[in-house]
Amino acid sequence: MIHVLLVDDSEADNHLHQIVLHEAGIARRLSVAEHGAAALDLLSALSDERGEGRGDFPDLILLDINMPVMDGWEFLERFEERYAEPTVVVGMLSTSQSQRDIERAKRFKIVSMYTPKPLTLDDVRGIVARHFPRLSA
């Protein structure tokens, strides 16, 4: 089981994605942040805990692009500046199917997937098979 962080300003999307993730049975912990700045604050707190041996840094971050306060692009820039977390899987979840956004996401070494909203059970199964095969067994 993994720790999943949803970063999205849409309550409806967060609710639906939480249901899908619970149905998939992969999340031992599910955290939600409504924008990139809140996600960075949460990650900072978890990182501080980890320094004391208690941290529970996310294994999977599912990130929206368009959010108030701090969008997904700025979050990615700041995340890459602050953390060297090669074990964290970051997936972009977006309603945008713009080739420009897809190409921009590929420029971030931490981003390993770009998935259209809403997240489905099949999407989660694909993420698990590709990035967390131990959960498929």
N, C-alpha and C. Protein backbone atom coordinates (compact mmCIF):
# COMPACT_ATOMS: atom_id res chain seq x y z
N MET A 1 0.84 -1.18 0.00
CA MET A 1 0.00 0.00 0.00
C MET A 1 0.89 1.24 0.00
N ILE A 2 0.37 2.30 -0.60
CA ILE A 2 1.17 3.51 -0.79
C ILE A 2 0.46 4.74 -0.25
N HIS A 3 1.22 5.81 -0.09
CA HIS A 3 0.67 7.10 0.29
C HIS A 3 0.47 7.90 -1.00
N VAL A 4 -0.76 8.34 -1.23
CA VAL A 4 -1.12 9.11 -2.42
C VAL A 4 -1.48 10.53 -2.01
N LEU A 5 -0.95 11.50 -2.73
CA LEU A 5 -1.29 12.91 -2.53
C LEU A 5 -2.01 13.41 -3.77
N LEU A 6 -3.25 13.86 -3.58
CA LEU A 6 -4.03 14.50 -4.65
C LEU A 6 -3.87 16.00 -4.51
N VAL A 7 -3.49 16.67 -5.60
CA VAL A 7 -3.34 18.12 -5.58
C VAL A 7 -4.27 18.67 -6.65
N ASP A 8 -5.42 19.19 -6.21
CA ASP A 8 -6.45 19.65 -7.14
C ASP A 8 -7.39 20.58 -6.39
N ASP A 9 -7.80 21.66 -7.03
CA ASP A 9 -8.72 22.61 -6.39
C ASP A 9 -10.18 22.21 -6.53
N SER A 10 -10.48 21.18 -7.29
CA SER A 10 -11.86 20.76 -7.50
C SER A 10 -12.28 19.74 -6.44
N GLU A 11 -13.22 20.14 -5.59
CA GLU A 11 -13.74 19.22 -4.58
C GLU A 11 -14.37 17.99 -5.22
N ALA A 12 -15.09 18.21 -6.31
CA ALA A 12 -15.76 17.09 -6.98
C ALA A 12 -14.74 16.09 -7.53
N ASP A 13 -13.69 16.60 -8.18
CA ASP A 13 -12.65 15.70 -8.71
C ASP A 13 -11.94 14.98 -7.57
N ASN A 14 -11.61 15.70 -6.50
CA ASN A 14 -10.95 15.06 -5.36
C ASN A 14 -11.82 13.96 -4.77
N HIS A 15 -13.10 14.24 -4.63
CA HIS A 15 -14.02 13.24 -4.09
C HIS A 15 -14.06 12.00 -4.98
N LEU A 16 -14.24 12.21 -6.28
CA LEU A 16 -14.28 11.08 -7.22
C LEU A 16 -12.97 10.32 -7.21
N HIS A 17 -11.85 11.01 -7.23
CA HIS A 17 -10.55 10.35 -7.27
C HIS A 17 -10.28 9.57 -5.98
N GLN A 18 -10.75 10.10 -4.86
CA GLN A 18 -10.62 9.36 -3.60
C GLN A 18 -11.41 8.06 -3.65
N ILE A 19 -12.61 8.11 -4.20
CA ILE A 19 -13.43 6.90 -4.33
C ILE A 19 -12.71 5.87 -5.20
N VAL A 20 -12.19 6.32 -6.34
CA VAL A 20 -11.50 5.41 -7.26
C VAL A 20 -10.27 4.79 -6.58
N LEU A 21 -9.50 5.61 -5.88
CA LEU A 21 -8.30 5.10 -5.21
C LEU A 21 -8.65 4.13 -4.09
N HIS A 22 -9.72 4.42 -3.34
CA HIS A 22 -10.15 3.48 -2.30
C HIS A 22 -10.64 2.18 -2.92
N GLU A 23 -11.38 2.29 -4.01
CA GLU A 23 -11.86 1.09 -4.69
C GLU A 23 -10.69 0.24 -5.20
N ALA A 24 -9.63 0.90 -5.65
CA ALA A 24 -8.46 0.17 -6.13
C ALA A 24 -7.71 -0.52 -4.99
N GLY A 25 -7.90 -0.02 -3.78
CA GLY A 25 -7.29 -0.64 -2.62
C GLY A 25 -5.78 -0.50 -2.55
N ILE A 26 -5.24 0.60 -3.06
CA ILE A 26 -3.78 0.76 -3.07
C ILE A 26 -3.28 1.76 -2.04
N ALA A 27 -4.18 2.60 -1.50
CA ALA A 27 -3.74 3.70 -0.64
C ALA A 27 -3.84 3.34 0.83
N ARG A 28 -2.70 3.34 1.51
CA ARG A 28 -2.71 3.19 2.96
C ARG A 28 -2.96 4.55 3.60
N ARG A 29 -2.62 5.61 2.83
CA ARG A 29 -2.88 6.98 3.26
C ARG A 29 -3.20 7.80 2.03
N LEU A 30 -4.18 8.67 2.15
CA LEU A 30 -4.60 9.52 1.05
C LEU A 30 -4.68 10.95 1.57
N SER A 31 -3.84 11.81 1.03
CA SER A 31 -3.81 13.22 1.42
C SER A 31 -4.32 14.06 0.27
N VAL A 32 -4.88 15.22 0.61
CA VAL A 32 -5.42 16.12 -0.40
C VAL A 32 -4.93 17.54 -0.12
N ALA A 33 -4.49 18.23 -1.17
CA ALA A 33 -4.14 19.64 -1.10
C ALA A 33 -4.88 20.35 -2.22
N GLU A 34 -5.40 21.54 -1.93
CA GLU A 34 -6.24 22.25 -2.89
C GLU A 34 -5.46 23.09 -3.91
N HIS A 35 -4.16 23.21 -3.74
CA HIS A 35 -3.32 23.93 -4.70
C HIS A 35 -1.87 23.58 -4.41
N GLY A 36 -0.99 24.01 -5.29
CA GLY A 36 0.41 23.66 -5.18
C GLY A 36 1.08 24.14 -3.91
N ALA A 37 0.75 25.34 -3.45
CA ALA A 37 1.38 25.87 -2.24
C ALA A 37 1.01 25.02 -1.03
N ALA A 38 -0.26 24.63 -0.94
CA ALA A 38 -0.69 23.77 0.17
C ALA A 38 0.01 22.42 0.10
N ALA A 39 0.22 21.90 -1.11
CA ALA A 39 0.92 20.63 -1.27
C ALA A 39 2.37 20.75 -0.82
N LEU A 40 3.03 21.84 -1.17
CA LEU A 40 4.41 22.04 -0.74
C LEU A 40 4.51 22.17 0.78
N ASP A 41 3.53 22.84 1.39
CA ASP A 41 3.51 22.94 2.85
C ASP A 41 3.38 21.56 3.48
N LEU A 42 2.49 20.75 2.94
CA LEU A 42 2.31 19.39 3.45
C LEU A 42 3.58 18.58 3.27
N LEU A 43 4.19 18.65 2.10
CA LEU A 43 5.42 17.91 1.84
C LEU A 43 6.55 18.37 2.76
N SER A 44 6.61 19.66 3.04
CA SER A 44 7.62 20.18 3.95
C SER A 44 7.45 19.60 5.35
N ALA A 45 6.20 19.56 5.81
CA ALA A 45 5.92 18.99 7.13
C ALA A 45 6.28 17.51 7.16
N LEU A 46 5.92 16.79 6.11
CA LEU A 46 6.25 15.37 6.05
C LEU A 46 7.74 15.14 5.96
N SER A 47 8.43 16.00 5.24
CA SER A 47 9.88 15.90 5.11
C SER A 47 10.55 16.13 6.46
N ASP A 48 10.05 17.11 7.22
CA ASP A 48 10.58 17.37 8.56
C ASP A 48 10.38 16.15 9.46
N GLU A 49 9.20 15.54 9.37
CA GLU A 49 8.92 14.33 10.15
C GLU A 49 9.86 13.21 9.75
N ARG A 50 10.09 13.08 8.45
CA ARG A 50 10.94 12.01 7.95
C ARG A 50 12.35 12.17 8.50
N GLY A 51 12.80 13.40 8.63
CA GLY A 51 14.11 13.65 9.21
C GLY A 51 14.23 13.10 10.61
N GLU A 52 13.09 13.00 11.28
CA GLU A 52 13.06 12.43 12.63
C GLU A 52 12.66 10.96 12.60
N GLY A 53 12.60 10.39 11.39
CA GLY A 53 12.28 8.96 11.28
C GLY A 53 10.80 8.64 11.29
N ARG A 54 9.91 9.66 11.27
CA ARG A 54 8.48 9.40 11.35
C ARG A 54 7.74 9.75 10.07
N GLY A 55 8.45 10.26 9.10
CA GLY A 55 7.79 10.81 7.92
C GLY A 55 7.08 9.78 7.07
N ASP A 56 6.09 10.25 6.36
CA ASP A 56 5.31 9.41 5.46
C ASP A 56 5.18 10.16 4.13
N PHE A 57 6.31 10.40 3.47
CA PHE A 57 6.32 11.13 2.21
C PHE A 57 5.51 10.36 1.18
N PRO A 58 4.74 11.05 0.33
CA PRO A 58 3.94 10.34 -0.67
C PRO A 58 4.78 9.51 -1.64
N ASP A 59 4.20 8.41 -2.07
CA ASP A 59 4.80 7.58 -3.11
C ASP A 59 4.30 8.02 -4.48
N LEU A 60 3.06 8.56 -4.50
CA LEU A 60 2.40 8.97 -5.73
C LEU A 60 1.75 10.33 -5.52
N ILE A 61 2.05 11.28 -6.40
CA ILE A 61 1.40 12.59 -6.39
C ILE A 61 0.63 12.71 -7.69
N LEU A 62 -0.67 12.96 -7.57
CA LEU A 62 -1.53 13.19 -8.74
C LEU A 62 -1.87 14.67 -8.75
N LEU A 63 -1.44 15.36 -9.78
CA LEU A 63 -1.39 16.82 -9.81
C LEU A 63 -2.21 17.41 -10.95
N ASP A 64 -3.09 18.33 -10.60
CA ASP A 64 -3.83 19.10 -11.59
C ASP A 64 -2.92 20.23 -12.10
N ILE A 65 -3.27 20.78 -13.26
CA ILE A 65 -2.48 21.89 -13.81
C ILE A 65 -3.04 23.23 -13.36
N ASN A 66 -4.32 23.45 -13.63
CA ASN A 66 -4.92 24.76 -13.41
C ASN A 66 -5.54 24.85 -12.02
N MET A 67 -4.86 25.59 -11.14
CA MET A 67 -5.33 25.80 -9.77
C MET A 67 -5.01 27.22 -9.35
N PRO A 68 -5.79 27.76 -8.42
CA PRO A 68 -5.47 29.09 -7.89
C PRO A 68 -4.27 29.01 -6.94
N VAL A 69 -3.76 30.11 -6.55
CA VAL A 69 -2.65 30.29 -5.61
C VAL A 69 -1.34 29.81 -6.24
N MET A 70 -1.23 28.51 -6.56
CA MET A 70 -0.05 27.98 -7.23
C MET A 70 -0.50 26.84 -8.14
N ASP A 71 -0.26 27.00 -9.44
CA ASP A 71 -0.70 25.97 -10.38
C ASP A 71 0.27 24.78 -10.39
N GLY A 72 -0.07 23.78 -11.17
CA GLY A 72 0.73 22.58 -11.23
C GLY A 72 2.13 22.80 -11.77
N TRP A 73 2.28 23.72 -12.72
CA TRP A 73 3.60 23.99 -13.29
C TRP A 73 4.54 24.58 -12.24
N GLU A 74 4.04 25.57 -11.50
CA GLU A 74 4.87 26.19 -10.47
C GLU A 74 5.18 25.17 -9.37
N PHE A 75 4.19 24.34 -9.01
CA PHE A 75 4.45 23.29 -8.03
C PHE A 75 5.61 22.40 -8.49
N LEU A 76 5.58 21.97 -9.75
CA LEU A 76 6.64 21.10 -10.26
C LEU A 76 8.01 21.78 -10.19
N GLU A 77 8.06 23.05 -10.55
CA GLU A 77 9.33 23.78 -10.50
C GLU A 77 9.87 23.83 -9.07
N ARG A 78 9.02 24.16 -8.15
CA ARG A 78 9.44 24.26 -6.74
C ARG A 78 9.76 22.89 -6.16
N PHE A 79 8.99 21.89 -6.54
CA PHE A 79 9.23 20.52 -6.06
C PHE A 79 10.61 20.06 -6.50
N GLU A 80 10.91 20.25 -7.78
CA GLU A 80 12.22 19.81 -8.28
C GLU A 80 13.37 20.59 -7.64
N GLU A 81 13.13 21.85 -7.28
CA GLU A 81 14.16 22.63 -6.60
C GLU A 81 14.42 22.12 -5.18
N ARG A 82 13.36 21.70 -4.50
CA ARG A 82 13.46 21.36 -3.08
C ARG A 82 13.77 19.90 -2.79
N TYR A 83 13.30 19.01 -3.66
CA TYR A 83 13.37 17.58 -3.32
C TYR A 83 14.05 16.79 -4.42
N ALA A 84 14.90 15.90 -4.00
CA ALA A 84 15.48 14.93 -4.92
C ALA A 84 14.83 13.60 -4.56
N GLU A 85 13.63 13.41 -5.03
CA GLU A 85 12.83 12.23 -4.66
C GLU A 85 12.59 11.35 -5.88
N PRO A 86 13.59 10.61 -6.31
CA PRO A 86 13.39 9.78 -7.49
C PRO A 86 12.36 8.68 -7.28
N THR A 87 12.04 8.39 -6.02
CA THR A 87 11.08 7.33 -5.76
C THR A 87 9.64 7.83 -5.80
N VAL A 88 9.44 9.13 -5.88
CA VAL A 88 8.09 9.68 -5.96
C VAL A 88 7.64 9.65 -7.41
N VAL A 89 6.45 9.11 -7.63
CA VAL A 89 5.85 9.10 -8.96
C VAL A 89 4.89 10.28 -9.02
N VAL A 90 5.08 11.16 -10.02
CA VAL A 90 4.19 12.30 -10.20
C VAL A 90 3.44 12.10 -11.50
N GLY A 91 2.12 12.16 -11.40
CA GLY A 91 1.27 12.08 -12.58
C GLY A 91 0.45 13.34 -12.70
N MET A 92 0.38 13.86 -13.90
CA MET A 92 -0.46 15.02 -14.17
C MET A 92 -1.86 14.51 -14.47
N LEU A 93 -2.85 15.06 -13.78
CA LEU A 93 -4.26 14.77 -14.05
C LEU A 93 -4.87 16.07 -14.53
N SER A 94 -5.36 16.09 -15.75
CA SER A 94 -5.85 17.36 -16.28
C SER A 94 -6.99 17.15 -17.26
N THR A 95 -7.83 18.15 -17.35
CA THR A 95 -8.86 18.17 -18.39
C THR A 95 -8.26 18.64 -19.71
N SER A 96 -7.06 19.22 -19.65
CA SER A 96 -6.41 19.72 -20.86
C SER A 96 -5.79 18.58 -21.65
N GLN A 97 -6.14 18.51 -22.90
CA GLN A 97 -5.51 17.55 -23.81
C GLN A 97 -4.64 18.28 -24.83
N SER A 98 -4.28 19.49 -24.46
CA SER A 98 -3.43 20.32 -25.31
C SER A 98 -2.06 19.66 -25.47
N GLN A 99 -1.61 19.53 -26.71
CA GLN A 99 -0.29 18.96 -26.97
C GLN A 99 0.79 19.82 -26.30
N ARG A 100 0.56 21.10 -26.22
CA ARG A 100 1.50 22.01 -25.57
C ARG A 100 1.67 21.64 -24.09
N ASP A 101 0.56 21.37 -23.39
CA ASP A 101 0.63 20.99 -21.99
C ASP A 101 1.30 19.62 -21.83
N ILE A 102 0.98 18.69 -22.70
CA ILE A 102 1.57 17.35 -22.63
C ILE A 102 3.09 17.44 -22.82
N GLU A 103 3.52 18.23 -23.80
CA GLU A 103 4.96 18.40 -24.05
C GLU A 103 5.63 19.12 -22.88
N ARG A 104 4.96 20.10 -22.33
CA ARG A 104 5.53 20.83 -21.18
C ARG A 104 5.71 19.89 -19.99
N ALA A 105 4.75 19.02 -19.76
CA ALA A 105 4.84 18.06 -18.66
C ALA A 105 6.05 17.15 -18.83
N LYS A 106 6.34 16.77 -20.07
CA LYS A 106 7.47 15.88 -20.35
C LYS A 106 8.81 16.52 -20.02
N ARG A 107 8.86 17.85 -19.95
CA ARG A 107 10.11 18.54 -19.65
C ARG A 107 10.52 18.40 -18.19
N PHE A 108 9.58 18.00 -17.35
CA PHE A 108 9.88 17.80 -15.93
C PHE A 108 10.27 16.35 -15.72
N LYS A 109 11.51 16.14 -15.27
CA LYS A 109 12.00 14.77 -15.12
C LYS A 109 11.20 13.97 -14.10
N ILE A 110 10.57 14.64 -13.16
CA ILE A 110 9.81 13.94 -12.11
C ILE A 110 8.45 13.45 -12.61
N VAL A 111 7.92 14.05 -13.69
CA VAL A 111 6.60 13.66 -14.19
C VAL A 111 6.73 12.38 -15.02
N SER A 112 5.98 11.38 -14.62
CA SER A 112 6.08 10.10 -15.33
C SER A 112 4.82 9.74 -16.10
N MET A 113 3.76 10.57 -15.98
CA MET A 113 2.55 10.29 -16.76
C MET A 113 1.68 11.54 -16.86
N TYR A 114 0.86 11.54 -17.89
CA TYR A 114 -0.09 12.62 -18.12
C TYR A 114 -1.41 11.93 -18.44
N THR A 115 -2.37 12.05 -17.54
CA THR A 115 -3.63 11.31 -17.64
C THR A 115 -4.80 12.28 -17.67
N PRO A 116 -5.73 12.08 -18.59
CA PRO A 116 -6.91 12.96 -18.59
C PRO A 116 -7.81 12.67 -17.39
N LYS A 117 -8.47 13.75 -16.91
CA LYS A 117 -9.47 13.59 -15.86
C LYS A 117 -10.75 13.05 -16.49
N PRO A 118 -11.54 12.34 -15.76
CA PRO A 118 -11.32 11.88 -14.39
C PRO A 118 -10.47 10.62 -14.36
N LEU A 119 -9.82 10.42 -13.24
CA LEU A 119 -9.05 9.21 -13.00
C LEU A 119 -10.01 8.03 -12.92
N THR A 120 -9.69 6.95 -13.62
CA THR A 120 -10.54 5.76 -13.61
C THR A 120 -9.82 4.61 -12.91
N LEU A 121 -10.56 3.58 -12.61
CA LEU A 121 -9.98 2.39 -12.01
C LEU A 121 -8.94 1.78 -12.96
N ASP A 122 -9.22 1.78 -14.25
CA ASP A 122 -8.23 1.28 -15.22
C ASP A 122 -6.96 2.12 -15.20
N ASP A 123 -7.10 3.45 -15.06
CA ASP A 123 -5.92 4.32 -14.95
C ASP A 123 -5.08 3.91 -13.74
N VAL A 124 -5.74 3.70 -12.61
CA VAL A 124 -5.03 3.34 -11.39
C VAL A 124 -4.34 1.99 -11.56
N ARG A 125 -5.02 1.05 -12.18
CA ARG A 125 -4.40 -0.26 -12.42
C ARG A 125 -3.16 -0.12 -13.30
N GLY A 126 -3.21 0.76 -14.29
CA GLY A 126 -2.06 1.00 -15.14
C GLY A 126 -0.91 1.64 -14.38
N ILE A 127 -1.22 2.60 -13.52
CA ILE A 127 -0.20 3.24 -12.69
C ILE A 127 0.46 2.21 -11.78
N VAL A 128 -0.36 1.37 -11.17
CA VAL A 128 0.17 0.35 -10.27
C VAL A 128 1.05 -0.63 -11.03
N ALA A 129 0.57 -1.11 -12.17
CA ALA A 129 1.35 -2.08 -12.96
C ALA A 129 2.69 -1.51 -13.39
N ARG A 130 2.69 -0.23 -13.75
CA ARG A 130 3.92 0.39 -14.26
C ARG A 130 4.88 0.82 -13.16
N HIS A 131 4.33 1.39 -12.07
CA HIS A 131 5.20 2.03 -11.08
C HIS A 131 5.24 1.32 -9.72
N PHE A 132 4.24 0.51 -9.43
CA PHE A 132 4.19 -0.17 -8.13
C PHE A 132 3.80 -1.63 -8.32
N PRO A 133 4.58 -2.38 -9.10
CA PRO A 133 4.18 -3.75 -9.43
C PRO A 133 4.02 -4.66 -8.22
N ARG A 134 4.66 -4.34 -7.11
CA ARG A 134 4.51 -5.14 -5.90
C ARG A 134 3.07 -5.15 -5.40
N LEU A 135 2.30 -4.11 -5.73
CA LEU A 135 0.90 -4.03 -5.30
C LEU A 135 -0.01 -4.89 -6.16
N SER A 136 0.45 -5.28 -7.35
CA SER A 136 -0.37 -6.07 -8.26
C SER A 136 -0.37 -7.54 -7.89
N ALA A 137 0.62 -7.94 -7.14
CA ALA A 137 0.79 -9.36 -6.82
C ALA A 137 -0.27 -9.86 -5.88
